[in-house]
Amino acid sequence: MAAIVISVLQLASLALVARALLSWFRARPGSTLEGVKRSIDRVTDPVVVPVRRRLPSFGGIDFSVMAIVLAINFLLIPVAATL
């Protein structure tokens, strides 16, 4: 069971990192990149949007994804210790 939780948390962390990296690129409407960005945003928005609302503004820099990835890594520590 712990292995499944670890896999899900790692997949979520990977999706969040992909979201952050893809935010640096401009995607043309109708392009494959736009479809990928939209899909990743749709999957990660339920977690990112509430965190973004709670964090203070840092001059236009969005730290919500980094905060969530950090929280996921803190969750992975005790779960991995059970293996």
C-alpha atoms as a PDB file:
ATOM      1  CA  MET A   1       0.000   0.000   0.000  1.00  0.00           C
ATOM      2  CA  ALA A   2       2.830   2.403   0.835  1.00  0.00           C
ATOM      3  CA  ALA A   3       4.391   1.789  -2.572  1.00  0.00           C
ATOM      4  CA  ILE A   4       1.161   2.917  -4.257  1.00  0.00           C
ATOM      5  CA  VAL A   5       1.007   6.081  -2.145  1.00  0.00           C
ATOM      6  CA  ILE A   6       4.640   6.837  -2.979  1.00  0.00           C
ATOM      7  CA  SER A   7       3.986   6.323  -6.687  1.00  0.00           C
ATOM      8  CA  VAL A   8       0.948   8.615  -6.659  1.00  0.00           C
ATOM      9  CA  LEU A   9       2.806  11.336  -4.749  1.00  0.00           C
ATOM     10  CA  GLN A  10       5.787  11.111  -7.100  1.00  0.00           C
ATOM     11  CA  LEU A  11       3.510  11.311 -10.130  1.00  0.00           C
ATOM     12  CA  ALA A  12       1.794  14.379  -8.670  1.00  0.00           C
ATOM     13  CA  SER A  13       5.167  15.980  -7.998  1.00  0.00           C
ATOM     14  CA  LEU A  14       6.272  15.255 -11.569  1.00  0.00           C
ATOM     15  CA  ALA A  15       3.073  16.804 -12.962  1.00  0.00           C
ATOM     16  CA  LEU A  16       3.637  19.927 -10.869  1.00  0.00           C
ATOM     17  CA  VAL A  17       7.242  20.274 -12.021  1.00  0.00           C
ATOM     18  CA  ALA A  18       6.105  19.814 -15.621  1.00  0.00           C
ATOM     19  CA  ARG A  19       3.504  22.543 -15.070  1.00  0.00           C
ATOM     20  CA  ALA A  20       6.150  24.920 -13.767  1.00  0.00           C
ATOM     21  CA  LEU A  21       8.543  24.200 -16.618  1.00  0.00           C
ATOM     22  CA  LEU A  22       5.867  24.475 -19.296  1.00  0.00           C
ATOM     23  CA  SER A  23       4.774  27.832 -17.907  1.00  0.00           C
ATOM     24  CA  TRP A  24       8.045  29.267 -19.239  1.00  0.00           C
ATOM     25  CA  PHE A  25       7.052  28.553 -22.861  1.00  0.00           C
ATOM     26  CA  ARG A  26       4.472  30.258 -25.006  1.00  0.00           C
ATOM     27  CA  ALA A  27       2.228  27.791 -26.813  1.00  0.00           C
ATOM     28  CA  ARG A  28       0.508  28.705 -30.037  1.00  0.00           C
ATOM     29  CA  PRO A  29      -3.253  28.090 -30.060  1.00  0.00           C
ATOM     30  CA  GLY A  30      -4.000  24.656 -31.435  1.00  0.00           C
ATOM     31  CA  SER A  31      -0.462  23.361 -30.952  1.00  0.00           C
ATOM     32  CA  THR A  32       0.426  20.115 -29.231  1.00  0.00           C
ATOM     33  CA  LEU A  33       2.229  22.035 -26.509  1.00  0.00           C
ATOM     34  CA  GLU A  34      -0.933  23.985 -25.739  1.00  0.00           C
ATOM     35  CA  GLY A  35      -2.866  20.727 -25.396  1.00  0.00           C
ATOM     36  CA  VAL A  36      -0.256  19.287 -23.051  1.00  0.00           C
ATOM     37  CA  LYS A  37      -0.191  22.467 -20.948  1.00  0.00           C
ATOM     38  CA  ARG A  38      -3.979  22.551 -20.752  1.00  0.00           C
ATOM     39  CA  SER A  39      -4.123  18.878 -19.700  1.00  0.00           C
ATOM     40  CA  ILE A  40      -1.508  19.311 -16.978  1.00  0.00           C
ATOM     41  CA  ASP A  41      -3.216  22.488 -15.753  1.00  0.00           C
ATOM     42  CA  ARG A  42      -6.553  20.680 -15.583  1.00  0.00           C
ATOM     43  CA  VAL A  43      -5.028  17.908 -13.462  1.00  0.00           C
ATOM     44  CA  THR A  44      -3.025  20.155 -11.127  1.00  0.00           C
ATOM     45  CA  ASP A  45      -5.401  23.137 -10.754  1.00  0.00           C
ATOM     46  CA  PRO A  46      -7.474  21.573  -7.922  1.00  0.00           C
ATOM     47  CA  VAL A  47      -4.355  21.629  -5.750  1.00  0.00           C
ATOM     48  CA  VAL A  48      -2.522  24.691  -7.073  1.00  0.00           C
ATOM     49  CA  VAL A  49      -5.349  27.243  -7.118  1.00  0.00           C
ATOM     50  CA  PRO A  50      -6.267  27.047  -3.381  1.00  0.00           C
ATOM     51  CA  VAL A  51      -2.599  27.204  -2.379  1.00  0.00           C
ATOM     52  CA  ARG A  52      -2.018  30.153  -4.719  1.00  0.00           C
ATOM     53  CA  ARG A  53      -4.898  32.025  -3.062  1.00  0.00           C
ATOM     54  CA  ARG A  54      -3.443  31.510   0.418  1.00  0.00           C
ATOM     55  CA  LEU A  55       0.160  32.460  -0.338  1.00  0.00           C
ATOM     56  CA  PRO A  56       1.085  36.131  -0.316  1.00  0.00           C
ATOM     57  CA  SER A  57       2.188  37.791  -3.546  1.00  0.00           C
ATOM     58  CA  PHE A  58       5.946  37.884  -4.092  1.00  0.00           C
ATOM     59  CA  GLY A  59       6.207  40.467  -6.833  1.00  0.00           C
ATOM     60  CA  GLY A  60       4.541  38.412  -9.538  1.00  0.00           C
ATOM     61  CA  ILE A  61       6.421  35.182  -8.790  1.00  0.00           C
ATOM     62  CA  ASP A  62       4.204  32.179  -8.116  1.00  0.00           C
ATOM     63  CA  PHE A  63       5.619  29.966  -5.381  1.00  0.00           C
ATOM     64  CA  SER A  64       2.526  27.770  -5.042  1.00  0.00           C
ATOM     65  CA  VAL A  65       3.910  24.894  -7.119  1.00  0.00           C
ATOM     66  CA  MET A  66       7.188  24.922  -5.196  1.00  0.00           C
ATOM     67  CA  ALA A  67       5.308  24.925  -1.877  1.00  0.00           C
ATOM     68  CA  ILE A  68       3.199  21.944  -2.957  1.00  0.00           C
ATOM     69  CA  VAL A  69       6.201  19.952  -4.224  1.00  0.00           C
ATOM     70  CA  LEU A  70       7.969  20.653  -0.933  1.00  0.00           C
ATOM     71  CA  ALA A  71       4.900  19.475   1.008  1.00  0.00           C
ATOM     72  CA  ILE A  72       4.723  16.308  -1.105  1.00  0.00           C
ATOM     73  CA  ASN A  73       8.373  15.579  -0.351  1.00  0.00           C
ATOM     74  CA  PHE A  74       7.717  16.025   3.375  1.00  0.00           C
ATOM     75  CA  LEU A  75       4.819  13.570   3.051  1.00  0.00           C
ATOM     76  CA  LEU A  76       7.008  11.055   1.257  1.00  0.00           C
ATOM     77  CA  ILE A  77       9.497  10.809   4.117  1.00  0.00           C
ATOM     78  CA  PRO A  78       7.249   9.049   6.667  1.00  0.00           C
ATOM     79  CA  VAL A  79       5.546   6.973   3.983  1.00  0.00           C
ATOM     80  CA  ALA A  80       8.885   5.763   2.640  1.00  0.00           C
ATOM     81  CA  ALA A  81      10.026   4.949   6.180  1.00  0.00           C
ATOM     82  CA  THR A  82       7.263   2.349   6.440  1.00  0.00           C
ATOM     83  CA  LEU A  83       8.810   0.260   3.659  1.00  0.00           C
END
